[in-house]
Amino acid sequence: MTAFASVVDALFADPNIGRDAVYTSDGGAPLLVRAVARRADAVTDFGDARLWSETTRIDLRAAEVQSPRPGDRIEIDGEAFLIQGEPVRDRERLVWTVDLRPA
């Protein structure tokens, strides 16, 4: 295991950062995973206008979720979400970042 992988595992295990979540692939069985939530606002330029929107993104460990897809379901703290758009992995290929929308 690389040093970076050890740090990622420690971050996801930290109760102040990581949270329990239930991941269900489209047509699959529910799986308990750890997630790091990011609920940052996004500002997008569209011509001369700037659009503000709330976003919900989470990070998932690739060791727990091998290939998340749009339409897969995530439940965190009783809230249900669906993955939208294509998930993106980090450079080390240890963490998926997924965009969510309410289910």
N, C-alpha and C. Protein backbone atom coordinates (compact mmCIF):
# COMPACT_ATOMS: atom_id res chain seq x y z
N MET A 1 0.85 -1.17 0.00
CA MET A 1 0.00 0.00 0.00
C MET A 1 0.90 1.24 0.00
N THR A 2 0.57 2.19 -0.84
CA THR A 2 1.35 3.42 -0.92
C THR A 2 1.01 4.33 0.26
N ALA A 3 1.86 5.31 0.48
CA ALA A 3 1.62 6.29 1.54
C ALA A 3 0.33 7.06 1.26
N PHE A 4 0.10 7.38 -0.01
CA PHE A 4 -1.11 8.11 -0.37
C PHE A 4 -2.36 7.27 -0.06
N ALA A 5 -2.32 5.99 -0.36
CA ALA A 5 -3.45 5.10 -0.08
C ALA A 5 -3.72 5.03 1.42
N SER A 6 -2.68 5.02 2.22
CA SER A 6 -2.84 5.00 3.68
C SER A 6 -3.52 6.26 4.18
N VAL A 7 -3.14 7.40 3.61
CA VAL A 7 -3.74 8.68 3.99
C VAL A 7 -5.22 8.71 3.59
N VAL A 8 -5.52 8.24 2.39
CA VAL A 8 -6.92 8.21 1.93
C VAL A 8 -7.75 7.34 2.87
N ASP A 9 -7.24 6.16 3.23
CA ASP A 9 -7.96 5.29 4.15
C ASP A 9 -8.20 5.98 5.50
N ALA A 10 -7.19 6.69 6.00
CA ALA A 10 -7.33 7.38 7.28
C ALA A 10 -8.38 8.50 7.19
N LEU A 11 -8.40 9.23 6.09
CA LEU A 11 -9.39 10.30 5.93
C LEU A 11 -10.81 9.75 5.89
N PHE A 12 -11.02 8.69 5.13
CA PHE A 12 -12.35 8.11 5.03
C PHE A 12 -12.79 7.50 6.36
N ALA A 13 -11.85 6.98 7.14
CA ALA A 13 -12.17 6.37 8.44
C ALA A 13 -12.44 7.41 9.52
N ASP A 14 -11.93 8.62 9.36
CA ASP A 14 -12.10 9.67 10.36
C ASP A 14 -13.58 10.01 10.52
N PRO A 15 -14.14 9.91 11.74
CA PRO A 15 -15.57 10.18 11.93
C PRO A 15 -15.96 11.63 11.69
N ASN A 16 -15.00 12.56 11.67
CA ASN A 16 -15.29 13.96 11.40
C ASN A 16 -15.31 14.27 9.91
N ILE A 17 -14.78 13.38 9.10
CA ILE A 17 -14.69 13.61 7.66
C ILE A 17 -15.54 12.61 6.88
N GLY A 18 -15.31 11.33 7.13
CA GLY A 18 -16.03 10.28 6.41
C GLY A 18 -17.37 9.98 7.05
N ARG A 19 -18.29 9.51 6.24
CA ARG A 19 -19.63 9.14 6.72
C ARG A 19 -20.00 7.79 6.14
N ASP A 20 -20.84 7.07 6.87
CA ASP A 20 -21.39 5.84 6.33
C ASP A 20 -22.42 6.19 5.27
N ALA A 21 -22.43 5.43 4.21
CA ALA A 21 -23.39 5.63 3.13
C ALA A 21 -23.78 4.25 2.60
N VAL A 22 -24.93 4.19 1.97
CA VAL A 22 -25.36 2.95 1.33
C VAL A 22 -25.35 3.20 -0.18
N TYR A 23 -24.53 2.42 -0.86
CA TYR A 23 -24.39 2.52 -2.32
C TYR A 23 -25.13 1.34 -2.95
N THR A 24 -25.99 1.65 -3.91
CA THR A 24 -26.72 0.60 -4.62
C THR A 24 -26.55 0.84 -6.12
N SER A 25 -25.86 -0.09 -6.78
CA SER A 25 -25.72 0.04 -8.22
C SER A 25 -27.07 -0.25 -8.87
N ASP A 26 -27.26 0.22 -10.09
CA ASP A 26 -28.51 0.03 -10.80
C ASP A 26 -28.77 -1.48 -10.94
N GLY A 27 -29.78 -1.98 -10.24
CA GLY A 27 -30.10 -3.40 -10.29
C GLY A 27 -29.28 -4.26 -9.34
N GLY A 28 -28.44 -3.65 -8.50
CA GLY A 28 -27.58 -4.40 -7.59
C GLY A 28 -28.08 -4.38 -6.16
N ALA A 29 -27.31 -5.02 -5.30
CA ALA A 29 -27.64 -5.09 -3.88
C ALA A 29 -27.01 -3.92 -3.14
N PRO A 30 -27.64 -3.43 -2.07
CA PRO A 30 -27.07 -2.34 -1.27
C PRO A 30 -25.73 -2.75 -0.66
N LEU A 31 -24.82 -1.78 -0.58
CA LEU A 31 -23.48 -2.01 -0.05
C LEU A 31 -23.13 -0.86 0.88
N LEU A 32 -22.72 -1.16 2.11
CA LEU A 32 -22.31 -0.13 3.06
C LEU A 32 -20.90 0.33 2.70
N VAL A 33 -20.73 1.63 2.48
CA VAL A 33 -19.44 2.21 2.10
C VAL A 33 -19.18 3.45 2.95
N ARG A 34 -17.98 3.99 2.85
CA ARG A 34 -17.65 5.27 3.49
C ARG A 34 -17.60 6.32 2.39
N ALA A 35 -18.06 7.52 2.70
CA ALA A 35 -18.09 8.62 1.74
C ALA A 35 -17.62 9.90 2.41
N VAL A 36 -17.03 10.77 1.62
CA VAL A 36 -16.67 12.11 2.07
C VAL A 36 -17.54 13.07 1.27
N ALA A 37 -18.39 13.80 1.97
CA ALA A 37 -19.34 14.70 1.30
C ALA A 37 -18.70 16.05 1.01
N ARG A 38 -19.04 16.59 -0.14
CA ARG A 38 -18.66 17.95 -0.53
C ARG A 38 -19.94 18.61 -1.03
N ARG A 39 -20.35 19.63 -0.38
CA ARG A 39 -21.58 20.32 -0.79
C ARG A 39 -21.27 21.76 -1.12
N ALA A 40 -20.33 21.95 -1.97
CA ALA A 40 -19.90 23.30 -2.36
C ALA A 40 -20.85 23.88 -3.41
N ASP A 41 -20.91 25.20 -3.43
CA ASP A 41 -21.67 25.88 -4.47
C ASP A 41 -20.80 25.95 -5.72
N ALA A 42 -21.45 25.99 -6.87
CA ALA A 42 -20.73 26.09 -8.14
C ALA A 42 -21.16 27.36 -8.86
N VAL A 43 -20.19 28.04 -9.44
CA VAL A 43 -20.46 29.21 -10.27
C VAL A 43 -20.02 28.87 -11.68
N THR A 44 -20.96 28.96 -12.63
CA THR A 44 -20.70 28.59 -14.01
C THR A 44 -20.90 29.80 -14.90
N ASP A 45 -19.95 30.05 -15.78
CA ASP A 45 -20.09 31.14 -16.75
C ASP A 45 -20.92 30.64 -17.93
N PHE A 46 -21.89 31.46 -18.35
CA PHE A 46 -22.73 31.16 -19.49
C PHE A 46 -22.88 32.45 -20.27
N GLY A 47 -22.04 32.62 -21.30
CA GLY A 47 -22.03 33.89 -22.01
C GLY A 47 -21.56 34.99 -21.08
N ASP A 48 -22.33 36.06 -20.96
CA ASP A 48 -22.00 37.15 -20.06
C ASP A 48 -22.56 36.95 -18.65
N ALA A 49 -23.30 35.88 -18.47
CA ALA A 49 -23.93 35.64 -17.16
C ALA A 49 -23.11 34.65 -16.34
N ARG A 50 -23.25 34.78 -15.05
CA ARG A 50 -22.64 33.80 -14.13
C ARG A 50 -23.79 33.16 -13.36
N LEU A 51 -23.87 31.85 -13.42
CA LEU A 51 -24.95 31.12 -12.78
C LEU A 51 -24.44 30.45 -11.51
N TRP A 52 -25.18 30.61 -10.42
CA TRP A 52 -24.85 29.98 -9.15
C TRP A 52 -25.78 28.80 -8.94
N SER A 53 -25.23 27.69 -8.48
CA SER A 53 -26.07 26.54 -8.15
C SER A 53 -25.45 25.76 -7.01
N GLU A 54 -26.32 25.15 -6.22
CA GLU A 54 -25.85 24.26 -5.17
C GLU A 54 -25.45 22.95 -5.83
N THR A 55 -24.40 22.35 -5.34
CA THR A 55 -24.00 21.05 -5.86
C THR A 55 -23.85 20.08 -4.70
N THR A 56 -24.03 18.84 -4.99
CA THR A 56 -23.76 17.79 -4.02
C THR A 56 -22.81 16.82 -4.69
N ARG A 57 -21.62 16.76 -4.15
CA ARG A 57 -20.61 15.83 -4.64
C ARG A 57 -20.11 15.02 -3.46
N ILE A 58 -19.76 13.80 -3.74
CA ILE A 58 -19.12 12.99 -2.71
C ILE A 58 -17.94 12.26 -3.31
N ASP A 59 -17.03 11.88 -2.45
CA ASP A 59 -15.91 11.03 -2.82
C ASP A 59 -16.18 9.64 -2.27
N LEU A 60 -15.89 8.64 -3.10
CA LEU A 60 -16.01 7.24 -2.72
C LEU A 60 -14.68 6.55 -2.96
N ARG A 61 -14.30 5.63 -2.10
CA ARG A 61 -13.06 4.89 -2.32
C ARG A 61 -13.25 3.88 -3.44
N ALA A 62 -12.32 3.86 -4.38
CA ALA A 62 -12.39 2.92 -5.49
C ALA A 62 -12.28 1.48 -5.00
N ALA A 63 -11.66 1.28 -3.84
CA ALA A 63 -11.56 -0.07 -3.27
C ALA A 63 -12.93 -0.61 -2.88
N GLU A 64 -13.87 0.28 -2.56
CA GLU A 64 -15.22 -0.14 -2.15
C GLU A 64 -16.20 -0.12 -3.32
N VAL A 65 -16.07 0.85 -4.20
CA VAL A 65 -16.97 1.00 -5.35
C VAL A 65 -16.11 0.99 -6.60
N GLN A 66 -16.11 -0.13 -7.30
CA GLN A 66 -15.20 -0.28 -8.44
C GLN A 66 -15.59 0.56 -9.66
N SER A 67 -16.87 0.65 -9.98
CA SER A 67 -17.25 1.43 -11.17
C SER A 67 -18.64 2.04 -10.99
N PRO A 68 -18.71 3.17 -10.29
CA PRO A 68 -20.01 3.85 -10.16
C PRO A 68 -20.49 4.35 -11.51
N ARG A 69 -21.80 4.33 -11.71
CA ARG A 69 -22.38 4.76 -12.98
C ARG A 69 -23.54 5.72 -12.74
N PRO A 70 -23.84 6.55 -13.72
CA PRO A 70 -25.02 7.41 -13.60
C PRO A 70 -26.27 6.55 -13.35
N GLY A 71 -27.10 7.00 -12.43
CA GLY A 71 -28.31 6.26 -12.08
C GLY A 71 -28.15 5.40 -10.83
N ASP A 72 -26.91 5.14 -10.41
CA ASP A 72 -26.70 4.40 -9.16
C ASP A 72 -27.18 5.26 -8.00
N ARG A 73 -27.59 4.62 -6.92
CA ARG A 73 -28.21 5.31 -5.79
C ARG A 73 -27.27 5.35 -4.59
N ILE A 74 -27.27 6.49 -3.90
CA ILE A 74 -26.47 6.68 -2.67
C ILE A 74 -27.40 7.24 -1.60
N GLU A 75 -27.36 6.66 -0.42
CA GLU A 75 -28.10 7.20 0.71
C GLU A 75 -27.11 7.60 1.79
N ILE A 76 -27.24 8.87 2.23
CA ILE A 76 -26.38 9.41 3.28
C ILE A 76 -27.28 10.10 4.30
N ASP A 77 -27.17 9.71 5.55
CA ASP A 77 -27.95 10.32 6.63
C ASP A 77 -29.44 10.39 6.30
N GLY A 78 -29.98 9.33 5.71
CA GLY A 78 -31.40 9.28 5.40
C GLY A 78 -31.82 10.00 4.13
N GLU A 79 -30.90 10.67 3.45
CA GLU A 79 -31.21 11.35 2.20
C GLU A 79 -30.78 10.47 1.03
N ALA A 80 -31.63 10.35 0.03
CA ALA A 80 -31.34 9.52 -1.14
C ALA A 80 -30.95 10.39 -2.33
N PHE A 81 -29.93 9.95 -3.04
CA PHE A 81 -29.42 10.67 -4.21
C PHE A 81 -29.17 9.67 -5.33
N LEU A 82 -29.15 10.20 -6.57
CA LEU A 82 -28.74 9.42 -7.73
C LEU A 82 -27.49 10.05 -8.32
N ILE A 83 -26.58 9.22 -8.79
CA ILE A 83 -25.39 9.73 -9.46
C ILE A 83 -25.81 10.29 -10.81
N GLN A 84 -25.31 11.49 -11.11
CA GLN A 84 -25.56 12.08 -12.42
C GLN A 84 -24.23 12.41 -13.07
N GLY A 85 -24.14 12.29 -14.35
CA GLY A 85 -22.88 12.54 -15.04
C GLY A 85 -21.89 11.42 -14.81
N GLU A 86 -20.76 11.53 -15.46
CA GLU A 86 -19.73 10.50 -15.36
C GLU A 86 -18.86 10.71 -14.13
N PRO A 87 -18.69 9.70 -13.30
CA PRO A 87 -17.78 9.79 -12.16
C PRO A 87 -16.34 9.99 -12.63
N VAL A 88 -15.54 10.65 -11.82
CA VAL A 88 -14.14 10.95 -12.16
C VAL A 88 -13.24 10.40 -11.06
N ARG A 89 -12.14 9.73 -11.47
CA ARG A 89 -11.19 9.22 -10.47
C ARG A 89 -10.02 10.17 -10.33
N ASP A 90 -9.41 10.14 -9.15
CA ASP A 90 -8.24 10.97 -8.91
C ASP A 90 -7.03 10.40 -9.64
N ARG A 91 -5.94 11.14 -9.61
CA ARG A 91 -4.73 10.75 -10.34
C ARG A 91 -4.17 9.41 -9.88
N GLU A 92 -4.29 9.14 -8.58
CA GLU A 92 -3.78 7.88 -8.04
C GLU A 92 -4.76 6.72 -8.25
N ARG A 93 -5.97 7.05 -8.75
CA ARG A 93 -7.02 6.06 -9.05
C ARG A 93 -7.53 5.36 -7.79
N LEU A 94 -7.55 6.12 -6.68
CA LEU A 94 -8.00 5.58 -5.40
C LEU A 94 -9.38 6.09 -5.00
N VAL A 95 -9.79 7.24 -5.54
CA VAL A 95 -11.01 7.90 -5.12
C VAL A 95 -11.85 8.31 -6.34
N TRP A 96 -13.13 7.98 -6.28
CA TRP A 96 -14.10 8.46 -7.27
C TRP A 96 -14.76 9.73 -6.73
N THR A 97 -14.94 10.74 -7.56
CA THR A 97 -15.76 11.90 -7.22
C THR A 97 -17.00 11.80 -8.10
N VAL A 98 -18.17 11.85 -7.45
CA VAL A 98 -19.43 11.74 -8.17
C VAL A 98 -20.32 12.92 -7.86
N ASP A 99 -21.04 13.38 -8.88
CA ASP A 99 -22.06 14.42 -8.71
C ASP A 99 -23.39 13.73 -8.44
N LEU A 100 -24.14 14.30 -7.51
CA LEU A 100 -25.41 13.70 -7.12
C LEU A 100 -26.57 14.66 -7.34
N ARG A 101 -27.74 14.09 -7.50
CA ARG A 101 -28.99 14.85 -7.51
C ARG A 101 -29.96 14.11 -6.61
N PRO A 102 -30.92 14.83 -6.03
CA PRO A 102 -31.89 14.15 -5.15
C PRO A 102 -32.64 13.07 -5.90
N ALA A 103 -32.91 11.97 -5.21
CA ALA A 103 -33.63 10.86 -5.85
C ALA A 103 -35.13 11.10 -5.84
